[in-house]
């Protein structure tokens, strides 16, 4: 799809395609849009009809329903994106590394770029410790705030709404998910105020976010009451190192930990529908993509896989390495992408997109039509995908079924095992 098929962003919401990124808020010249939390624990734009002048700009910049032509160069694999260099890095400072989710790549890059005067501010996201369990984004040049923004938040964040606060001449580093950076690309195309050359886009590898209700579930699993919780970290290295446990801190300051398996087990139940319909795990529009070192390192201190996609991104990473911010080495793109299981992503995307379209839903535009490497899902995989796409979201959206939905986590575990056995069997038959 080249342009949005809709005239206003509320139509995108009605068709189930909103990502909650906040791009529409940033673009609206009338300040007529606000982001509201839904009953299912997601974020959705609400338009004030008294202020809206029907300019259609909110739909033009929305990444939820369309992905404009030319944002990925012809011939580039949309599941992997352009690649210049790949690195495996670890921040040299113990305090930064300990606080980081993996190897401290994003924090280290931002602090280095600020110190060298290559950026004026950074757009980051912070998880507060006030009991709200609702992350917020802000523009900052404060090193301490940047350090506090470390670790992924795994829940809805209207990051792009903050872009309305930047001056057109400022050099800004934006740290975001693929949907955020798709929105940034649309904003730069349709609103002269934002200049792509002034933005350094640092993208996080993203398999999906979780609804806010996932945190309610994890608090329940820890045997705690929601009102007694001060903060929650989806991945903390404090107890057992990388890849990290869920850490929940009460208002009295006591830490409770859940093993990583608890977080992983509930992911499918709390994944938004729109995340299932996203092709872009690897954040292909970024200048630099950062993620976990799956298949590359098991160092419990944590390391980061870093992929430089553009000349600007390559220069930033090489500058930080050259300045001694990181200990690291070059790695192959094939090894990095294999660790991120991109072939699984191709297969799952094909299954979810087909199921969505078969129900008569408007499918989000994506640059996939010419891609011939989509794998065929197995029968079990199609059955599981159908359940996850259409049934799970209904269960967690309703208070009356929310607790009952926990039983589906056990079902989902069994289906994952069956699917792995199914694919193993098929691979042996083919070979």
Protein backbone atom coordinates (compact mmCIF):
# COMPACT_ATOMS: atom_id res chain seq x y z
CA UNK A 1 0.00 0.00 0.00
CA UNK A 2 1.47 3.35 -1.04
CA UNK A 3 -0.78 5.68 0.97
CA UNK A 4 -3.30 5.21 3.73
CA UNK A 5 -6.68 3.87 2.66
CA UNK A 6 -8.23 5.81 5.54
CA UNK A 7 -8.95 9.49 6.07
CA UNK A 8 -8.57 9.62 9.87
CA UNK A 9 -6.66 7.57 12.39
CA UNK A 10 -9.83 6.50 14.22
CA UNK A 11 -10.66 4.42 11.13
CA UNK A 12 -7.31 2.66 11.55
CA UNK A 13 -8.32 1.88 15.14
CA UNK A 14 -11.72 0.56 14.03
CA UNK A 15 -9.99 -1.87 11.65
CA UNK A 16 -7.67 -3.19 14.37
CA UNK A 17 -4.50 -1.81 12.81
CA UNK A 18 -3.37 0.85 15.31
CA UNK A 19 0.09 0.28 16.82
CA UNK A 20 -0.27 2.92 19.54
CA UNK A 21 2.95 4.63 18.42
CA UNK A 22 1.77 8.23 18.89
CA UNK A 23 2.70 9.48 15.39
CA UNK A 24 -0.77 10.90 14.86
CA UNK A 25 -0.48 13.00 18.03
CA UNK A 26 2.80 14.50 16.88
CA UNK A 27 1.45 15.34 13.43
CA UNK A 28 -1.93 16.80 14.36
CA UNK A 29 -1.80 20.60 13.79
CA UNK A 30 -4.90 21.11 15.95
CA UNK A 31 -3.76 19.10 19.00
CA UNK A 32 -7.00 17.19 18.55
CA UNK A 33 -5.64 13.71 19.36
CA UNK A 34 -4.94 12.10 22.73
CA UNK A 35 -3.77 8.58 23.52
CA UNK A 36 -6.03 6.64 25.88
CA UNK A 37 -5.58 3.25 27.53
CA UNK A 38 -8.12 0.64 26.43
CA UNK A 39 -9.83 -2.04 28.54
CA UNK A 40 -7.49 -4.64 27.02
CA UNK A 41 -4.39 -2.79 28.19
CA UNK A 42 -3.34 -1.12 24.94
CA UNK A 43 -3.09 2.51 23.80
CA UNK A 44 -5.40 4.01 21.22
CA UNK A 45 -5.81 7.53 19.78
CA UNK A 46 -9.02 9.42 20.48
CA UNK A 47 -9.97 12.41 18.29
CA UNK A 48 -11.68 15.47 19.69
CA UNK A 49 -14.30 16.23 17.00
CA UNK A 50 -14.57 19.83 18.12
CA UNK A 51 -10.90 20.46 17.30
CA UNK A 52 -10.38 18.21 14.25
CA UNK A 53 -10.33 20.02 10.89
CA UNK A 54 -10.26 16.82 8.78
CA UNK A 55 -6.81 17.53 7.34
CA UNK A 56 -6.15 13.76 7.05
CA UNK A 57 -2.56 14.17 8.21
CA UNK A 58 -3.04 11.68 11.07
CA UNK A 59 -3.86 8.94 8.56
CA UNK A 60 -1.01 9.89 6.24
CA UNK A 61 1.63 9.49 8.95
CA UNK A 62 0.08 6.39 10.54
CA UNK A 63 2.32 3.30 10.22
CA UNK A 64 -0.48 1.01 11.36
CA UNK A 65 -2.22 0.51 8.02
CA UNK A 66 0.42 1.31 5.39
CA UNK A 67 4.12 1.21 4.65
CA UNK A 68 5.03 3.63 1.90
CA UNK A 69 6.89 2.65 -1.22
CA UNK A 70 10.58 3.47 -1.33
CA UNK A 71 11.24 3.31 2.41
CA UNK A 72 13.10 0.04 1.77
CA UNK A 73 15.32 -0.02 -1.30
CA UNK A 74 14.21 -2.30 -4.11
CA UNK A 75 15.89 -5.68 -3.86
CA UNK A 76 16.47 -5.40 -0.10
CA UNK A 77 14.99 -8.21 1.98
CA UNK A 78 12.29 -6.51 4.12
CA UNK A 79 12.75 -9.06 6.90
CA UNK A 80 16.45 -8.27 7.33
CA UNK A 81 16.92 -4.79 5.89
CA UNK A 82 20.19 -3.23 4.70
CA UNK A 83 23.38 -4.28 6.51
CA UNK A 84 26.77 -2.58 6.58
CA UNK A 85 28.46 -4.01 9.68
CA UNK A 86 27.55 -6.22 12.62
CA UNK A 87 29.17 -6.29 16.05
CA UNK A 88 28.98 -8.10 19.37
CA UNK A 89 29.69 -5.53 22.09
CA UNK A 90 29.81 -5.16 25.85
CA UNK A 91 30.01 -1.86 27.72
CA UNK A 92 33.28 -1.49 29.64
CA UNK A 93 31.77 0.29 32.65
CA UNK A 94 30.42 -2.10 35.25
CA UNK A 95 27.59 0.19 36.43
CA UNK A 96 26.23 0.68 32.90
CA UNK A 97 26.56 -3.02 32.08
CA UNK A 98 24.86 -4.14 35.30
CA UNK A 99 21.90 -1.85 34.72
CA UNK A 100 21.58 -2.77 31.04
CA UNK A 101 19.29 -5.43 29.64
CA UNK A 102 22.07 -7.00 27.58
CA UNK A 103 25.44 -5.42 26.85
CA UNK A 104 24.63 -1.74 27.31
CA UNK A 105 24.82 -0.88 23.61
CA UNK A 106 22.03 1.71 23.45
CA UNK A 107 22.98 3.47 26.68
CA UNK A 108 26.63 3.51 25.69
CA UNK A 109 25.93 4.90 22.23
CA UNK A 110 23.69 7.69 23.54
CA UNK A 111 26.13 8.77 26.26
CA UNK A 112 29.03 8.74 23.80
CA UNK A 113 27.18 10.72 21.14
CA UNK A 114 26.11 13.35 23.68
CA UNK A 115 29.63 13.62 25.05
CA UNK A 116 31.07 14.08 21.55
CA UNK A 117 28.41 16.65 20.60
CA UNK A 118 27.02 14.54 17.78
CA UNK A 119 23.46 14.78 19.13
CA UNK A 120 21.67 17.48 21.10
CA UNK A 121 19.11 15.28 22.84
CA UNK A 122 17.81 11.73 22.86
CA UNK A 123 14.22 10.48 22.81
CA UNK A 124 14.08 7.62 25.32
CA UNK A 125 11.58 5.75 27.48
CA UNK A 126 11.67 5.39 31.26
CA UNK A 127 9.80 2.95 33.51
CA UNK A 128 8.83 4.94 36.63
CA UNK A 129 8.97 3.62 40.18
CA UNK A 130 5.76 5.27 41.34
CA UNK A 131 3.54 2.20 41.18
CA UNK A 132 1.84 3.22 37.94
CA UNK A 133 3.71 0.57 35.87
CA UNK A 134 3.20 2.84 32.87
CA UNK A 135 6.37 3.86 31.01
CA UNK A 136 6.72 7.35 29.61
CA UNK A 137 8.95 8.90 26.96
CA UNK A 138 10.92 12.12 27.09
CA UNK A 139 13.56 14.14 25.29
CA UNK A 140 16.68 14.55 27.38
CA UNK A 141 20.36 15.40 27.35
CA UNK A 142 20.82 14.34 30.97
CA UNK A 143 23.22 11.38 31.29
CA UNK A 144 21.53 10.09 34.45
CA UNK A 145 18.12 10.04 32.76
CA UNK A 146 19.60 8.17 29.84
CA UNK A 147 21.07 5.59 32.21
CA UNK A 148 17.65 5.21 33.86
CA UNK A 149 16.08 4.55 30.45
CA UNK A 150 18.01 1.30 29.97
CA UNK A 151 16.17 -1.99 29.41
CA UNK A 152 13.23 -2.67 27.14
CA UNK A 153 9.76 -2.00 28.54
CA UNK A 154 7.75 -4.65 26.60
CA UNK A 155 4.50 -2.68 26.80
CA UNK A 156 2.72 0.11 24.87
CA UNK A 157 4.55 3.43 24.62
CA UNK A 158 3.34 6.39 22.48
CA UNK A 159 6.95 7.43 21.88
CA UNK A 160 6.37 9.47 18.74
CA UNK A 161 3.99 11.88 20.45
CA UNK A 162 7.08 13.52 21.96
CA UNK A 163 8.47 14.37 18.52
CA UNK A 164 6.23 17.44 18.48
CA UNK A 165 8.56 18.95 21.10
CA UNK A 166 11.73 19.00 18.99
CA UNK A 167 13.11 21.98 17.13
CA UNK A 168 13.59 21.33 13.42
CA UNK A 169 17.31 22.11 13.69
CA UNK A 170 17.99 19.81 16.66
CA UNK A 171 20.00 16.64 16.18
CA UNK A 172 18.02 13.94 17.93
CA UNK A 173 18.70 10.25 18.60
CA UNK A 174 15.41 8.35 18.65
CA UNK A 175 15.32 4.97 20.42
CA UNK A 176 12.26 3.05 19.36
CA UNK A 177 10.52 -0.08 18.18
CA UNK A 178 9.87 -0.81 14.49
CA UNK A 179 6.37 0.69 14.59
CA UNK A 180 7.80 3.88 16.10
CA UNK A 181 10.46 4.21 13.44
CA UNK A 182 7.99 3.44 10.64
CA UNK A 183 5.98 6.36 12.02
CA UNK A 184 9.09 8.58 12.10
CA UNK A 185 9.70 7.78 8.42
CA UNK A 186 6.13 8.77 7.55
CA UNK A 187 6.40 11.98 9.59
CA UNK A 188 9.58 12.96 7.78
CA UNK A 189 7.84 12.41 4.44
CA UNK A 190 4.67 14.34 5.16
CA UNK A 191 5.61 17.07 7.65
CA UNK A 192 8.42 19.49 6.67
CA UNK A 193 9.19 20.20 10.35
CA UNK A 194 10.94 16.83 10.73
CA UNK A 195 14.16 16.38 8.78
CA UNK A 196 15.44 12.83 8.48
CA UNK A 197 19.05 13.98 8.23
CA UNK A 198 18.83 15.41 11.78
CA UNK A 199 17.63 12.16 13.29
CA UNK A 200 19.72 9.15 14.28
CA UNK A 201 17.34 6.22 14.56
CA UNK A 202 18.40 3.52 17.03
CA UNK A 203 16.03 0.59 16.64
CA UNK A 204 15.38 -2.20 19.10
CA UNK A 205 14.86 -5.74 17.86
CA UNK A 206 11.19 -6.42 18.55
CA UNK A 207 9.35 -9.72 18.45
CA UNK A 208 6.22 -8.06 19.91
CA UNK A 209 5.07 -5.93 22.83
CA UNK A 210 2.68 -7.12 25.55
CA UNK A 211 -0.45 -5.43 26.79
CA UNK A 212 -0.37 -3.75 30.20
CA UNK A 213 -2.38 -6.73 31.44
CA UNK A 214 0.74 -8.88 31.21
CA UNK A 215 2.10 -6.98 34.20
CA UNK A 216 -1.09 -7.70 36.14
CA UNK A 217 -0.59 -11.39 35.36
CA UNK A 218 3.05 -11.39 36.46
CA UNK A 219 2.18 -9.58 39.70
CA UNK A 220 -0.48 -12.26 40.30
CA UNK A 221 2.07 -15.03 39.64
CA UNK A 222 4.39 -13.46 42.20
CA UNK A 223 1.62 -13.66 44.79
CA UNK A 224 1.44 -9.89 45.17
CA UNK A 225 -1.35 -7.31 45.11
CA UNK A 226 -1.18 -4.76 42.32
CA UNK A 227 -1.62 -1.80 44.67
CA UNK A 228 1.42 -2.90 46.68
CA UNK A 229 3.78 -2.88 43.71
CA UNK A 230 6.17 0.02 43.12
CA UNK A 231 7.99 -1.12 39.99
CA UNK A 232 8.35 -4.03 37.57
CA UNK A 233 11.26 -4.93 35.34
CA UNK A 234 10.57 -7.54 32.70
CA UNK A 235 14.24 -8.49 32.59
CA UNK A 236 16.67 -7.90 35.43
CA UNK A 237 20.18 -9.35 35.64
CA UNK A 238 20.33 -8.78 39.42
CA UNK A 239 19.62 -12.38 40.48
CA UNK A 240 20.95 -14.65 37.74
CA UNK A 241 22.47 -12.46 35.03
CA UNK A 242 21.54 -12.34 31.37
CA UNK A 243 18.96 -12.96 29.89
CA UNK A 244 17.33 -11.95 33.17
CA UNK A 245 14.40 -12.62 35.47
CA UNK A 246 11.23 -10.63 36.10
CA UNK A 247 11.87 -8.35 39.08
CA UNK A 248 8.96 -6.83 40.99
CA UNK A 249 9.63 -4.35 43.79
CA UNK A 250 7.00 -3.64 46.43
CA UNK A 251 6.30 -0.25 47.98
CA UNK A 252 8.26 -1.46 51.03
CA UNK A 253 11.31 -1.94 48.80
CA UNK A 254 11.36 -5.75 48.81
CA UNK A 255 12.31 -7.47 45.54
CA UNK A 256 10.41 -10.50 44.23
CA UNK A 257 11.74 -12.46 41.27
CA UNK A 258 10.03 -14.68 38.72
CA UNK A 259 12.10 -16.89 36.40
CA UNK A 260 12.34 -15.85 32.75
CA UNK A 261 10.11 -18.79 31.85
CA UNK A 262 7.13 -17.07 33.46
CA UNK A 263 7.52 -14.06 31.18
CA UNK A 264 8.09 -16.16 28.10
CA UNK A 265 5.12 -18.43 28.85
CA UNK A 266 2.63 -15.56 29.00
CA UNK A 267 3.83 -13.68 25.91
CA UNK A 268 1.43 -15.25 23.43
CA UNK A 269 -1.60 -14.60 25.62
CA UNK A 270 -0.88 -10.88 25.95
CA UNK A 271 0.43 -10.11 22.44
CA UNK A 272 -1.69 -7.47 20.64
CA UNK A 273 -3.28 -8.53 17.35
CA UNK A 274 -1.46 -5.80 15.46
CA UNK A 275 1.93 -7.15 16.54
CA UNK A 276 1.06 -10.47 14.88
CA UNK A 277 0.63 -8.60 11.59
CA UNK A 278 4.04 -6.92 11.68
CA UNK A 279 6.82 -8.16 9.40
CA UNK A 280 9.58 -6.04 10.92
CA UNK A 281 11.29 -7.81 13.80
CA UNK A 282 14.69 -6.38 12.90
CA UNK A 283 13.75 -2.68 12.79
CA UNK A 284 14.86 -2.29 9.19
CA UNK A 285 14.38 1.50 8.94
CA UNK A 286 16.84 2.25 11.74
CA UNK A 287 20.38 3.54 11.34
CA UNK A 288 21.47 1.12 14.08
CA UNK A 289 19.64 -1.96 15.32
CA UNK A 290 20.42 -3.34 18.79
CA UNK A 291 19.26 -6.58 20.38
CA UNK A 292 20.09 -9.64 22.40
CA UNK A 293 23.01 -11.85 21.35
CA UNK A 294 20.93 -15.00 20.81
CA UNK A 295 23.12 -17.73 19.34
CA UNK A 296 26.20 -15.53 19.69
CA UNK A 297 26.98 -15.36 23.40
CA UNK A 298 25.86 -16.84 26.72
CA UNK A 299 27.85 -14.42 28.87
CA UNK A 300 25.71 -13.83 31.97
CA UNK A 301 27.09 -10.30 32.26
CA UNK A 302 25.34 -9.55 28.98
CA UNK A 303 26.41 -8.59 25.48
CA UNK A 304 24.57 -6.81 22.67
CA UNK A 305 24.25 -7.63 19.00
CA UNK A 306 24.57 -4.38 17.02
CA UNK A 307 23.77 -3.98 13.35
CA UNK A 308 24.84 -0.80 11.51
CA UNK A 309 22.52 -0.15 8.55
CA UNK A 310 23.51 3.29 7.23
CA UNK A 311 26.70 5.32 6.93
CA UNK A 312 25.52 7.48 9.85
CA UNK A 313 24.86 4.43 11.98
CA UNK A 314 28.15 2.84 11.03
CA UNK A 315 30.05 6.02 11.92
CA UNK A 316 28.36 6.25 15.34
CA UNK A 317 29.11 2.66 16.28
CA UNK A 318 32.71 2.80 15.07
CA UNK A 319 33.23 6.06 16.98
CA UNK A 320 32.04 4.46 20.23
CA UNK A 321 34.18 1.36 19.73
CA UNK A 322 37.19 3.49 18.78
CA UNK A 323 36.74 5.59 21.92
CA UNK A 324 36.84 2.46 24.09
CA UNK A 325 33.20 2.62 25.18
CA UNK A 326 32.72 -1.04 24.25
CA UNK A 327 34.74 -4.18 24.16
CA UNK A 328 33.63 -5.98 21.04
CA UNK A 329 34.26 -7.74 17.77
CA UNK A 330 32.81 -7.92 14.32
CA UNK A 331 30.35 -10.74 13.59
CA UNK A 332 28.62 -11.95 10.46
CA UNK A 333 25.14 -10.76 9.57
CA UNK A 334 24.12 -14.35 8.85
CA UNK A 335 25.01 -15.42 12.39
CA UNK A 336 23.19 -12.47 13.93
CA UNK A 337 20.04 -13.05 11.86
CA UNK A 338 20.08 -16.80 12.50
CA UNK A 339 20.13 -16.10 16.23
CA UNK A 340 17.06 -13.90 15.82
CA UNK A 341 15.23 -16.73 13.99
CA UNK A 342 14.24 -14.64 11.01
CA UNK A 343 13.08 -17.70 9.08
CA UNK A 344 10.52 -18.35 11.83
CA UNK A 345 9.37 -14.74 11.48
CA UNK A 346 8.79 -15.17 7.73
CA UNK A 347 6.67 -18.25 8.33
CA UNK A 348 4.64 -16.75 11.17
CA UNK A 349 4.02 -13.52 9.30
CA UNK A 350 2.72 -15.49 6.30
CA UNK A 351 0.33 -17.43 8.54
CA UNK A 352 -1.02 -14.44 10.44
CA UNK A 353 -1.42 -12.24 7.35
CA UNK A 354 -3.32 -15.00 5.52
CA UNK A 355 -5.62 -15.65 8.50
CA UNK A 356 -6.35 -11.95 8.91
CA UNK A 357 -7.19 -11.44 5.23
CA UNK A 358 -9.29 -14.62 5.13
CA UNK A 359 -11.60 -13.08 7.75
CA UNK A 360 -12.19 -10.13 5.43
CA UNK A 361 -10.11 -7.68 7.46
CA UNK A 362 -8.17 -4.88 5.83
CA UNK A 363 -4.56 -6.01 5.88
CA UNK A 364 -1.77 -3.60 6.79
CA UNK A 365 0.41 -2.64 3.87
CA UNK A 366 3.88 -4.16 3.93
CA UNK A 367 6.72 -4.44 1.37
CA UNK A 368 6.40 -8.22 1.15
CA UNK A 369 4.72 -8.86 -2.20
CA UNK A 370 7.95 -9.46 -4.11
CA UNK A 371 9.48 -11.53 -1.34
CA UNK A 372 9.59 -15.17 -2.38
CA UNK A 373 11.18 -16.57 0.75
CA UNK A 374 8.06 -16.87 2.88
CA UNK A 375 7.92 -20.35 4.40
CA UNK A 376 4.73 -22.39 4.46
CA UNK A 377 3.33 -22.90 7.99
CA UNK A 378 2.50 -26.39 9.18
CA UNK A 379 -1.12 -27.42 9.93
CA UNK A 380 -0.44 -27.25 13.69
CA UNK A 381 1.17 -23.85 13.21
CA UNK A 382 -1.88 -22.53 11.36
CA UNK A 383 -4.17 -23.81 14.13
CA UNK A 384 -2.07 -22.21 16.85
CA UNK A 385 -1.75 -18.93 14.93
CA UNK A 386 -5.52 -18.76 14.50
CA UNK A 387 -6.04 -19.23 18.24
CA UNK A 388 -3.45 -16.61 19.12
CA UNK A 389 -4.68 -14.06 16.59
CA UNK A 390 -8.41 -14.19 17.23
CA UNK A 391 -9.16 -15.94 20.54
CA UNK A 392 -6.46 -14.83 22.97
CA UNK A 393 -7.12 -11.05 22.60
CA UNK A 394 -10.80 -11.55 23.50
CA UNK A 395 -9.93 -13.47 26.65
CA UNK A 396 -7.59 -10.88 28.15
CA UNK A 397 -9.78 -7.89 27.21
CA UNK A 398 -12.66 -8.87 29.50
CA UNK A 399 -12.42 -8.81 33.30
CA UNK A 400 -14.84 -11.73 33.52
CA UNK A 401 -12.53 -14.00 31.50
CA UNK A 402 -9.13 -12.55 32.43
CA UNK A 403 -8.30 -15.02 35.23
CA UNK A 404 -9.79 -17.93 33.27
CA UNK A 405 -7.49 -17.10 30.36
CA UNK A 406 -4.44 -18.15 32.39
CA UNK A 407 -5.22 -21.78 31.58
CA UNK A 408 -4.46 -21.08 27.94
CA UNK A 409 -0.83 -20.48 28.83
CA UNK A 410 -0.48 -24.20 29.56
CA UNK A 411 -2.27 -25.02 26.29
CA UNK A 412 0.06 -22.70 24.41
CA UNK A 413 3.14 -24.41 25.86
CA UNK A 414 1.90 -27.80 24.66
CA UNK A 415 1.15 -26.44 21.19
CA UNK A 416 4.63 -24.92 20.92
CA UNK A 417 6.16 -28.30 21.72
CA UNK A 418 3.93 -30.09 19.20
CA UNK A 419 4.78 -27.54 16.54
CA UNK A 420 8.53 -27.99 17.08
CA UNK A 421 8.13 -31.77 16.79
CA UNK A 422 6.00 -31.29 13.66
CA UNK A 423 8.64 -29.17 11.94
CA UNK A 424 11.40 -31.56 13.00
CA UNK A 425 9.46 -34.47 11.48
CA UNK A 426 8.85 -32.58 8.24
CA UNK A 427 12.50 -31.56 7.95
CA UNK A 428 13.57 -35.20 8.26
CA UNK A 429 11.01 -36.32 5.66
CA UNK A 430 12.18 -33.66 3.20
CA UNK A 431 15.83 -34.49 3.75
